[in-house]
């Protein structure tokens, strides 16, 4: 079985890369394309996302789990892959036809961007990353994506020069995704052998795939529908652009947390299938400790530098992003806790009803609040809706498993790190109030925040000798060997 620490490093490194690269291009793209251009891209991308979401159903989650369950059995792995992928091809065929009808009947050929976005559906049809995640082959997916992501950044700087190049920007991003999916197929001969799809097996897998699709669809309502509702209800691509740029920054901590969840899902599926409850709880407890420290540092840190960051990074025209960024930022804690419960406990244990129920609750909360708030508060209304949606998802999952998993205990154990984060945020806000906005002030704020939180965390872990202390100690001992 692949090294867990190695996979986490690969996954986190890749998440840092895909977070870091957009951070390089975002200031340039925001200024070149403007809030309207960013908003139009985000709106059309959100629409095509829903088509690809329906086409994928719950295959990403189900496929990952199904491949992880068979371990090293190549024959069974091959059979499961071909039967699951057959469903993926069938659904994508229908959805691609539906999107073409959408372009002809609704867009009526008026949107070049919406037409280009059709490439996303072809990429989705070829997406077999779930197969490699299930095998814990994260190095393959990380390598191919890293090279292609760097290439797309270079092309953006070379080819996107003004607002008229919005179509080029879209084509570059979609082309990168498409080629990254094609690349994965080069490895399939090594890990599978050919079998004809079994119609009986395909039918057996449709129901569990559909069950896992429900939470995916519900989750998308408060992740993507916000932008569609915002664009439709306000009639302003500018508001969508503000929301999109704020959301990009929110994705920094979320990306790192998701990386850990992606690695832990197949590993926890294997451990749970072996019936090792003690190891299951150990991994979950350690994940909570690690994720809470990461979340505290990033959430309070971003909140502390929000205004100056937006001023330096996006420009003065994007200052409304600052408040949106802070509002969305607090959802990271809820997402982090729910991610651990979902990927390391609910899905591996096949407790799909709780997972489905929690995301449906979040979707309903988000839709209701969006309808009420967007008309009055525009982008901030969508941000508030997302905040309460993520909170409700986390609470439903936490309450449902409170007797079998002491989640509240693990959350409260990290209180000293939350307090440390709040102190860091207060210092950064004071600096922001007294110093002039600019790059050097931002650099000083970041360095100050890193020093405060790093030194404080070391002192806390040494004094308490908590899980962070033992996680770091174990890592150092293994490195010395």
Protein backbone atom coordinates (compact mmCIF):
# COMPACT_ATOMS: atom_id res chain seq x y z
CA UNK A 1 0.00 0.00 0.00
CA UNK A 2 1.30 3.46 -0.90
CA UNK A 3 2.87 5.59 1.84
CA UNK A 4 0.21 7.73 3.52
CA UNK A 5 2.62 10.54 4.39
CA UNK A 6 4.04 10.49 0.86
CA UNK A 7 0.55 10.74 -0.63
CA UNK A 8 -0.40 13.59 1.70
CA UNK A 9 2.77 15.45 0.70
CA UNK A 10 2.01 14.88 -2.99
CA UNK A 11 -1.60 15.98 -2.60
CA UNK A 12 -0.84 19.02 -0.45
CA UNK A 13 2.04 20.02 -2.74
CA UNK A 14 -0.29 19.87 -5.73
CA UNK A 15 -2.98 21.86 -3.95
CA UNK A 16 -0.37 24.49 -3.09
CA UNK A 17 0.63 24.56 -6.76
CA UNK A 18 -2.92 24.96 -8.10
CA UNK A 19 -3.55 27.63 -5.47
CA UNK A 20 -0.22 29.40 -6.06
CA UNK A 21 -0.44 29.53 -9.87
CA UNK A 22 -3.83 31.31 -9.99
CA UNK A 23 -2.45 33.70 -7.38
CA UNK A 24 0.24 34.60 -9.92
CA UNK A 25 -2.23 35.16 -12.77
CA UNK A 26 -5.19 36.62 -10.84
CA UNK A 27 -3.83 40.19 -10.40
CA UNK A 28 -2.90 40.31 -14.09
CA UNK A 29 -6.13 38.74 -15.35
CA UNK A 30 -8.31 40.87 -13.03
CA UNK A 31 -6.80 44.05 -14.41
CA UNK A 32 -6.72 42.94 -18.06
CA UNK A 33 -10.21 41.38 -18.27
CA UNK A 34 -11.94 43.50 -15.60
CA UNK A 35 -14.66 42.48 -13.16
CA UNK A 36 -17.16 42.09 -16.04
CA UNK A 37 -14.86 39.69 -17.93
CA UNK A 38 -14.11 37.63 -14.82
CA UNK A 39 -17.83 37.58 -14.04
CA UNK A 40 -18.82 36.42 -17.53
CA UNK A 41 -16.25 33.62 -17.42
CA UNK A 42 -17.40 32.58 -13.95
CA UNK A 43 -21.08 32.61 -14.99
CA UNK A 44 -20.63 30.49 -18.14
CA UNK A 45 -18.26 28.17 -16.31
CA UNK A 46 -20.85 27.67 -13.57
CA UNK A 47 -23.52 26.73 -16.12
CA UNK A 48 -21.38 24.12 -17.90
CA UNK A 49 -20.28 22.84 -14.49
CA UNK A 50 -23.86 21.76 -13.81
CA UNK A 51 -24.02 19.81 -17.05
CA UNK A 52 -20.75 17.99 -16.24
CA UNK A 53 -21.90 17.47 -12.65
CA UNK A 54 -25.04 15.66 -13.82
CA UNK A 55 -22.98 13.64 -16.30
CA UNK A 56 -20.55 12.47 -13.58
CA UNK A 57 -23.35 11.65 -11.11
CA UNK A 58 -21.64 10.31 -7.96
CA UNK A 59 -18.96 8.43 -9.92
CA UNK A 60 -15.99 10.34 -8.47
CA UNK A 61 -16.84 9.35 -4.89
CA UNK A 62 -18.23 5.90 -5.67
CA UNK A 63 -15.42 5.00 -8.09
CA UNK A 64 -12.73 6.06 -5.62
CA UNK A 65 -14.28 3.89 -2.89
CA UNK A 66 -14.98 0.92 -5.20
CA UNK A 67 -11.40 0.79 -6.51
CA UNK A 68 -9.96 1.18 -2.99
CA UNK A 69 -12.00 -1.81 -1.75
CA UNK A 70 -10.36 -4.33 -4.13
CA UNK A 71 -6.79 -3.54 -3.12
CA UNK A 72 -4.19 -5.14 -5.40
CA UNK A 73 -6.57 -7.50 -7.21
CA UNK A 74 -5.92 -6.36 -10.80
CA UNK A 75 -8.66 -8.47 -12.38
CA UNK A 76 -11.39 -7.26 -10.04
CA UNK A 77 -10.07 -3.71 -10.27
CA UNK A 78 -10.28 -3.87 -14.08
CA UNK A 79 -13.85 -5.19 -14.01
CA UNK A 80 -14.99 -2.50 -11.60
CA UNK A 81 -13.30 0.21 -13.66
CA UNK A 82 -14.86 -0.77 -16.99
CA UNK A 83 -18.35 -1.16 -15.54
CA UNK A 84 -18.21 2.18 -13.74
CA UNK A 85 -16.66 3.96 -16.71
CA UNK A 86 -19.35 2.56 -19.02
CA UNK A 87 -21.92 4.46 -16.94
CA UNK A 88 -19.77 7.59 -17.19
CA UNK A 89 -19.64 7.40 -21.01
CA UNK A 90 -23.39 6.79 -21.34
CA UNK A 91 -24.33 9.74 -19.12
CA UNK A 92 -21.88 12.08 -20.82
CA UNK A 93 -23.25 11.23 -24.25
CA UNK A 94 -26.74 12.35 -23.22
CA UNK A 95 -25.46 15.45 -21.40
CA UNK A 96 -23.32 16.62 -24.32
CA UNK A 97 -26.42 16.42 -26.54
CA UNK A 98 -28.37 18.38 -23.89
CA UNK A 99 -25.68 21.09 -23.78
CA UNK A 100 -25.73 21.44 -27.56
CA UNK A 101 -29.51 21.98 -27.34
CA UNK A 102 -28.90 24.56 -24.59
CA UNK A 103 -26.50 26.44 -26.89
CA UNK A 104 -28.95 26.35 -29.81
CA UNK A 105 -32.21 27.06 -27.99
CA UNK A 106 -31.23 29.25 -25.03
CA UNK A 107 -27.90 30.86 -25.88
CA UNK A 108 -28.86 30.81 -29.59
CA UNK A 109 -25.22 31.03 -30.59
CA UNK A 110 -24.87 34.49 -29.02
CA UNK A 111 -22.22 33.52 -26.46
CA UNK A 112 -18.82 32.50 -27.81
CA UNK A 113 -17.71 31.79 -24.26
CA UNK A 114 -20.56 29.35 -23.60
CA UNK A 115 -19.67 27.48 -26.81
CA UNK A 116 -16.00 27.20 -25.85
CA UNK A 117 -17.04 25.92 -22.41
CA UNK A 118 -18.32 22.75 -24.14
CA UNK A 119 -14.72 21.50 -24.02
CA UNK A 120 -15.25 21.04 -20.28
CA UNK A 121 -17.79 18.29 -21.00
CA UNK A 122 -15.28 16.40 -23.16
CA UNK A 123 -12.73 16.66 -20.35
CA UNK A 124 -15.30 15.39 -17.88
CA UNK A 125 -16.07 12.38 -20.12
CA UNK A 126 -12.38 11.43 -20.09
CA UNK A 127 -11.90 12.03 -16.35
CA UNK A 128 -10.62 8.85 -14.66
CA UNK A 129 -8.76 10.50 -11.79
CA UNK A 130 -11.11 8.65 -9.40
CA UNK A 131 -9.49 5.38 -10.54
CA UNK A 132 -5.99 6.55 -9.58
CA UNK A 133 -7.19 8.11 -6.34
CA UNK A 134 -8.74 4.77 -5.39
CA UNK A 135 -5.38 3.08 -6.04
CA UNK A 136 -3.63 5.86 -4.03
CA UNK A 137 -1.51 6.72 -7.09
CA UNK A 138 -1.43 10.42 -6.30
CA UNK A 139 2.04 10.93 -7.76
CA UNK A 140 0.74 10.27 -11.30
CA UNK A 141 -2.11 12.77 -11.09
CA UNK A 142 0.08 15.37 -9.39
CA UNK A 143 2.88 15.15 -11.96
CA UNK A 144 0.66 15.50 -15.03
CA UNK A 145 -1.39 18.33 -13.57
CA UNK A 146 1.64 20.27 -12.34
CA UNK A 147 3.28 20.39 -15.76
CA UNK A 148 0.05 21.36 -17.53
CA UNK A 149 -0.90 23.99 -14.94
CA UNK A 150 2.49 25.70 -15.33
CA UNK A 151 2.06 25.65 -19.13
CA UNK A 152 -1.37 27.31 -18.88
CA UNK A 153 0.05 30.12 -16.72
CA UNK A 154 2.77 30.82 -19.30
CA UNK A 155 0.20 30.86 -22.12
CA UNK A 156 -2.07 33.27 -20.21
CA UNK A 157 0.74 35.81 -19.84
CA UNK A 158 1.77 35.39 -23.48
CA UNK A 159 -1.64 35.47 -25.16
CA UNK A 160 -4.15 37.32 -22.92
CA UNK A 161 -3.52 41.03 -23.45
CA UNK A 162 -6.89 42.86 -23.25
CA UNK A 163 -10.64 42.38 -22.66
CA UNK A 164 -11.08 41.01 -26.16
CA UNK A 165 -8.91 38.03 -25.21
CA UNK A 166 -11.47 36.61 -22.78
CA UNK A 167 -12.11 33.73 -25.20
CA UNK A 168 -8.37 32.95 -25.30
CA UNK A 169 -8.24 32.88 -21.50
CA UNK A 170 -11.16 30.45 -21.41
CA UNK A 171 -9.69 28.25 -24.14
CA UNK A 172 -6.31 28.06 -22.41
CA UNK A 173 -7.82 26.95 -19.10
CA UNK A 174 -10.13 24.39 -20.72
CA UNK A 175 -7.40 23.09 -23.01
CA UNK A 176 -5.12 22.48 -20.03
CA UNK A 177 -7.81 20.45 -18.26
CA UNK A 178 -8.55 18.44 -21.41
CA UNK A 179 -4.92 17.45 -22.00
CA UNK A 180 -4.46 16.55 -18.33
CA UNK A 181 -7.34 14.05 -18.65
CA UNK A 182 -5.93 12.57 -21.87
CA UNK A 183 -2.54 12.14 -20.20
CA UNK A 184 -3.93 9.81 -17.51
CA UNK A 185 -5.12 7.29 -20.10
CA UNK A 186 -1.49 6.56 -21.03
CA UNK A 187 -1.12 4.67 -17.71
CA UNK A 188 -4.21 2.48 -17.97
CA UNK A 189 -2.52 -0.52 -19.63
CA UNK A 190 -0.24 -0.84 -16.63
CA UNK A 191 -3.03 -1.07 -14.06
CA UNK A 192 -5.89 -2.76 -15.91
CA UNK A 193 -6.69 -5.55 -18.33
CA UNK A 194 -9.55 -5.39 -20.82
CA UNK A 195 -12.99 -6.79 -19.98
CA UNK A 196 -16.28 -6.30 -21.74
CA UNK A 197 -18.76 -4.28 -19.68
CA UNK A 198 -21.16 -6.48 -17.73
CA UNK A 199 -24.70 -5.13 -18.06
CA UNK A 200 -25.83 -6.83 -14.83
CA UNK A 201 -22.93 -5.30 -12.87
CA UNK A 202 -23.60 -1.91 -14.43
CA UNK A 203 -27.23 -2.03 -13.26
CA UNK A 204 -26.11 -2.99 -9.73
CA UNK A 205 -23.89 0.09 -9.48
CA UNK A 206 -26.39 2.66 -10.71
CA UNK A 207 -28.26 2.93 -7.39
CA UNK A 208 -25.22 3.56 -5.10
CA UNK A 209 -23.82 6.00 -7.68
CA UNK A 210 -27.11 7.91 -7.71
CA UNK A 211 -27.21 7.97 -3.90
CA UNK A 212 -23.77 9.60 -3.82
CA UNK A 213 -24.85 11.99 -6.58
CA UNK A 214 -27.52 13.57 -4.38
CA UNK A 215 -25.03 15.16 -1.95
CA UNK A 216 -22.76 16.17 -4.84
CA UNK A 217 -25.67 17.97 -6.51
CA UNK A 218 -26.80 19.52 -3.23
CA UNK A 219 -23.24 20.60 -2.42
CA UNK A 220 -22.97 22.32 -5.80
CA UNK A 221 -26.00 24.46 -5.02
CA UNK A 222 -24.11 26.42 -2.40
CA UNK A 223 -20.79 26.22 -4.24
CA UNK A 224 -21.72 27.06 -7.81
CA UNK A 225 -25.40 28.03 -7.91
CA UNK A 226 -24.47 31.16 -5.93
CA UNK A 227 -22.79 32.60 -9.02
CA UNK A 228 -25.65 31.71 -11.34
CA UNK A 229 -28.25 33.16 -8.96
CA UNK A 230 -26.11 36.23 -8.39
CA UNK A 231 -25.73 36.87 -12.11
CA UNK A 232 -29.41 36.21 -12.84
CA UNK A 233 -30.91 38.12 -9.90
CA UNK A 234 -28.65 41.17 -10.05
CA UNK A 235 -28.07 41.20 -13.80
CA UNK A 236 -24.50 42.22 -13.03
CA UNK A 237 -21.41 40.32 -14.12
CA UNK A 238 -19.50 42.78 -11.92
CA UNK A 239 -21.07 41.38 -8.74
CA UNK A 240 -20.25 37.85 -9.92
CA UNK A 241 -16.67 39.02 -10.56
CA UNK A 242 -16.33 40.36 -7.00
CA UNK A 243 -17.73 37.13 -5.57
CA UNK A 244 -15.51 34.98 -7.81
CA UNK A 245 -12.31 36.78 -6.79
CA UNK A 246 -13.19 36.59 -3.10
CA UNK A 247 -13.97 32.90 -3.51
CA UNK A 248 -10.55 32.27 -5.09
CA UNK A 249 -8.84 33.39 -1.89
CA UNK A 250 -11.22 31.28 0.19
CA UNK A 251 -10.06 28.29 -1.86
CA UNK A 252 -6.53 28.53 -0.45
CA UNK A 253 -7.26 26.93 2.95
CA UNK A 254 -10.07 24.80 1.48
CA UNK A 255 -7.68 23.36 -1.12
CA UNK A 256 -5.15 22.29 1.50
CA UNK A 257 -7.85 20.66 3.62
CA UNK A 258 -9.39 18.91 0.61
CA UNK A 259 -5.97 17.53 -0.30
CA UNK A 260 -5.79 15.69 3.02
CA UNK A 261 -9.34 14.39 2.57
CA UNK A 262 -8.61 13.08 -0.95
CA UNK A 263 -5.68 11.04 0.36
CA UNK A 264 -7.46 9.77 3.45
CA UNK A 265 -10.65 8.51 1.72
CA UNK A 266 -9.13 5.43 0.00
CA UNK A 267 -6.89 4.72 3.01
CA UNK A 268 -9.77 4.90 5.48
CA UNK A 269 -11.91 2.71 3.18
CA UNK A 270 -9.19 0.02 3.32
CA UNK A 271 -8.75 0.29 7.10
CA UNK A 272 -12.48 0.21 7.82
CA UNK A 273 -12.99 -2.75 5.48
CA UNK A 274 -10.39 -4.58 7.62
CA UNK A 275 -12.36 -3.73 10.77
CA UNK A 276 -9.52 -1.82 12.47
CA UNK A 277 -11.53 0.61 14.62
CA UNK A 278 -8.56 1.67 16.78
CA UNK A 279 -6.50 2.79 13.79
CA UNK A 280 -9.58 4.45 12.29
CA UNK A 281 -10.06 6.68 15.33
CA UNK A 282 -6.33 7.43 15.55
CA UNK A 283 -6.21 8.72 11.98
CA UNK A 284 -9.38 10.78 12.45
CA UNK A 285 -8.14 12.34 15.70
CA UNK A 286 -4.79 13.22 14.15
CA UNK A 287 -6.55 14.68 11.11
CA UNK A 288 -8.68 16.94 13.30
CA UNK A 289 -5.61 18.16 15.20
CA UNK A 290 -3.61 18.88 12.04
CA UNK A 291 -6.47 20.45 10.07
CA UNK A 292 -7.52 22.69 12.98
CA UNK A 293 -4.03 24.20 13.23
CA UNK A 294 -3.83 24.74 9.45
CA UNK A 295 -7.33 26.24 9.36
CA UNK A 296 -6.70 28.53 12.34
CA UNK A 297 -3.48 29.93 10.85
CA UNK A 298 -4.99 30.60 7.42
CA UNK A 299 -8.48 31.76 8.43
CA UNK A 300 -7.34 34.29 11.03
CA UNK A 301 -4.35 35.27 8.91
CA UNK A 302 -6.44 36.04 5.80
CA UNK A 303 -8.98 37.94 7.91
CA UNK A 304 -6.14 40.06 9.33
CA UNK A 305 -4.76 41.18 5.97
CA UNK A 306 -7.97 41.18 3.88
CA UNK A 307 -8.21 44.89 2.98
CA UNK A 308 -4.56 45.46 2.18
CA UNK A 309 -4.38 42.15 0.33
CA UNK A 310 -7.28 43.05 -1.99
CA UNK A 311 -5.81 46.54 -2.55
CA UNK A 312 -2.40 45.15 -3.54
CA UNK A 313 -3.52 41.99 -5.24
CA UNK A 314 -6.65 42.87 -7.21
CA UNK A 315 -6.47 46.65 -7.23
CA UNK A 316 -8.53 49.45 -5.69
CA UNK A 317 -11.50 48.73 -7.99
CA UNK A 318 -11.98 45.37 -6.26
CA UNK A 319 -12.18 46.60 -2.64
CA UNK A 320 -15.73 45.15 -2.21
CA UNK A 321 -13.99 41.74 -2.35
CA UNK A 322 -12.46 42.39 1.08
CA UNK A 323 -15.66 42.00 3.11
CA UNK A 324 -16.80 39.08 0.95
CA UNK A 325 -13.47 37.38 1.53
CA UNK A 326 -13.77 37.64 5.32
CA UNK A 327 -17.36 36.34 5.34
CA UNK A 328 -16.48 33.32 3.16
CA UNK A 329 -13.27 32.78 5.10
CA UNK A 330 -15.01 31.71 8.31
CA UNK A 331 -16.69 28.82 6.49
CA UNK A 332 -13.29 27.11 6.29
CA UNK A 333 -13.66 25.76 9.83
CA UNK A 334 -17.05 24.21 9.02
CA UNK A 335 -15.75 22.80 5.73
CA UNK A 336 -12.67 21.36 7.43
CA UNK A 337 -14.62 19.52 10.11
CA UNK A 338 -17.28 18.28 7.69
CA UNK A 339 -14.57 17.14 5.25
CA UNK A 340 -12.98 14.90 7.89
CA UNK A 341 -16.32 13.43 8.96
CA UNK A 342 -17.32 12.84 5.33
CA UNK A 343 -14.10 11.46 3.78
CA UNK A 344 -12.76 9.56 6.78
CA UNK A 345 -15.91 8.24 8.39
CA UNK A 346 -19.25 8.59 6.58
CA UNK A 347 -18.23 7.56 3.03
CA UNK A 348 -15.78 4.78 4.03
CA UNK A 349 -18.42 3.35 6.41
CA UNK A 350 -21.07 3.70 3.68
CA UNK A 351 -23.18 5.93 5.95
CA UNK A 352 -24.49 7.64 2.83
CA UNK A 353 -27.87 8.67 4.30
CA UNK A 354 -26.21 11.01 6.81
CA UNK A 355 -23.96 12.44 4.10
CA UNK A 356 -26.94 12.94 1.77
CA UNK A 357 -29.10 14.47 4.51
CA UNK A 358 -26.45 16.97 5.56
CA UNK A 359 -25.80 18.28 2.05
CA UNK A 360 -29.52 18.50 1.24
CA UNK A 361 -29.94 20.58 4.39
CA UNK A 362 -27.13 22.87 3.26
CA UNK A 363 -28.64 23.23 -0.20
CA UNK A 364 -32.07 24.19 1.16
CA UNK A 365 -30.56 26.70 3.61
CA UNK A 366 -28.47 28.25 0.84
CA UNK A 367 -31.30 28.52 -1.70
CA UNK A 368 -33.70 30.10 0.80
CA UNK A 369 -31.15 32.64 2.05
CA UNK A 370 -29.99 33.47 -1.49
CA UNK A 371 -33.54 34.21 -2.62
CA UNK A 372 -34.04 36.48 0.41
CA UNK A 373 -30.64 38.17 0.63
CA UNK A 374 -29.21 38.57 -2.89
CA UNK A 375 -31.84 41.15 -3.90
CA UNK A 376 -30.88 43.31 -0.91
CA UNK A 377 -27.16 42.67 -0.40
CA UNK A 378 -26.08 41.30 -3.82
CA UNK A 379 -22.72 39.45 -3.54
CA UNK A 380 -22.66 39.75 0.26
CA UNK A 381 -26.09 38.09 0.36
CA UNK A 382 -24.67 35.09 -1.51
CA UNK A 383 -21.69 34.98 0.87
CA UNK A 384 -23.98 34.97 3.93
CA UNK A 385 -26.04 32.18 2.37
CA UNK A 386 -22.88 30.12 1.86
CA UNK A 387 -21.77 30.73 5.47
CA UNK A 388 -24.99 29.34 6.96
CA UNK A 389 -25.16 26.51 4.43
CA UNK A 390 -21.70 25.24 5.41
CA UNK A 391 -22.56 25.63 9.09
CA UNK A 392 -25.73 23.55 8.69
CA UNK A 393 -23.91 20.78 6.81
CA UNK A 394 -21.31 20.49 9.53
CA UNK A 395 -23.88 20.51 12.35
CA UNK A 396 -26.05 17.79 10.78
CA UNK A 397 -23.04 15.47 10.35
CA UNK A 398 -21.67 16.25 13.79
CA UNK A 399 -24.98 15.59 15.56
CA UNK A 400 -25.56 12.36 13.61
CA UNK A 401 -22.25 10.76 14.63
CA UNK A 402 -21.79 12.36 18.06
CA UNK A 403 -22.18 9.03 19.90
CA UNK A 404 -19.74 7.05 17.79
CA UNK A 405 -17.17 9.79 17.17
CA UNK A 406 -16.36 12.50 19.77
CA UNK A 407 -15.98 15.29 17.22
CA UNK A 408 -16.74 18.15 19.62
CA UNK A 409 -13.94 16.98 21.89
CA UNK A 410 -11.42 17.13 19.05
CA UNK A 411 -12.63 20.58 17.99
CA UNK A 412 -12.41 21.97 21.52
CA UNK A 413 -8.95 20.47 22.04
CA UNK A 414 -7.63 22.97 19.49
CA UNK A 415 -9.00 26.03 21.34
CA UNK A 416 -5.51 27.38 22.25
CA UNK A 417 -4.67 27.51 18.52
CA UNK A 418 -7.89 29.41 17.79
CA UNK A 419 -7.00 31.94 20.49
CA UNK A 420 -3.50 32.24 19.04
CA UNK A 421 -5.02 32.85 15.60
CA UNK A 422 -7.31 35.56 17.00
CA UNK A 423 -4.33 37.32 18.62
CA UNK A 424 -2.45 37.16 15.30
CA UNK A 425 -5.47 38.60 13.46
CA UNK A 426 -5.77 41.48 15.95
CA UNK A 427 -2.08 42.39 15.53
CA UNK A 428 -2.41 42.30 11.73
CA UNK A 429 -5.54 44.47 11.82
CA UNK A 430 -3.76 47.05 14.00
CA UNK A 431 -0.89 47.12 11.49
CA UNK A 432 -3.42 47.56 8.68
CA UNK A 433 -4.97 50.52 10.48
CA UNK A 434 -1.75 52.42 11.13
CA UNK A 435 0.34 51.59 8.04
CA UNK A 436 -0.28 52.76 4.50
CA UNK A 437 -1.74 50.16 2.11
CA UNK A 438 0.88 48.70 -0.23
CA UNK A 439 3.10 45.75 -1.07
CA UNK A 440 5.70 46.34 1.65
CA UNK A 441 3.01 46.61 4.32
CA UNK A 442 1.50 43.34 3.05
CA UNK A 443 4.89 41.58 3.18
CA UNK A 444 5.45 42.90 6.72
CA UNK A 445 1.98 41.70 7.76
CA UNK A 446 2.54 38.22 6.33
CA UNK A 447 5.97 37.84 8.00
CA UNK A 448 4.56 39.08 11.31
CA UNK A 449 1.65 36.64 11.11
CA UNK A 450 3.93 33.70 10.27
CA UNK A 451 6.27 34.48 13.19
CA UNK A 452 3.43 34.95 15.70
CA UNK A 453 1.61 31.77 14.74
CA UNK A 454 4.70 29.57 14.30
CA UNK A 455 6.31 30.56 17.60
CA UNK A 456 2.99 30.40 19.41
CA UNK A 457 2.14 26.96 18.00
CA UNK A 458 5.53 25.54 19.00
CA UNK A 459 5.10 26.85 22.54
CA UNK A 460 1.54 25.49 22.78
CA UNK A 461 2.48 22.02 21.49
CA UNK A 462 5.56 21.78 23.73
CA UNK A 463 3.65 22.94 26.81
CA UNK A 464 0.62 20.69 26.28
CA UNK A 465 2.42 17.81 24.54
CA UNK A 466 -0.72 17.43 22.42
CA UNK A 467 -1.33 15.53 19.18
CA UNK A 468 0.56 18.14 17.14
CA UNK A 469 3.60 17.57 19.36
CA UNK A 470 3.51 13.80 18.74
CA UNK A 471 2.72 14.15 15.02
CA UNK A 472 5.76 16.38 14.50
CA UNK A 473 7.93 14.18 16.73
CA UNK A 474 6.94 11.05 14.83
CA UNK A 475 7.67 12.76 11.51
CA UNK A 476 11.15 13.88 12.66
CA UNK A 477 12.04 10.41 13.98
CA UNK A 478 11.07 8.77 10.69
CA UNK A 479 13.12 11.31 8.73
CA UNK A 480 16.22 10.52 10.83
CA UNK A 481 15.85 6.82 10.02
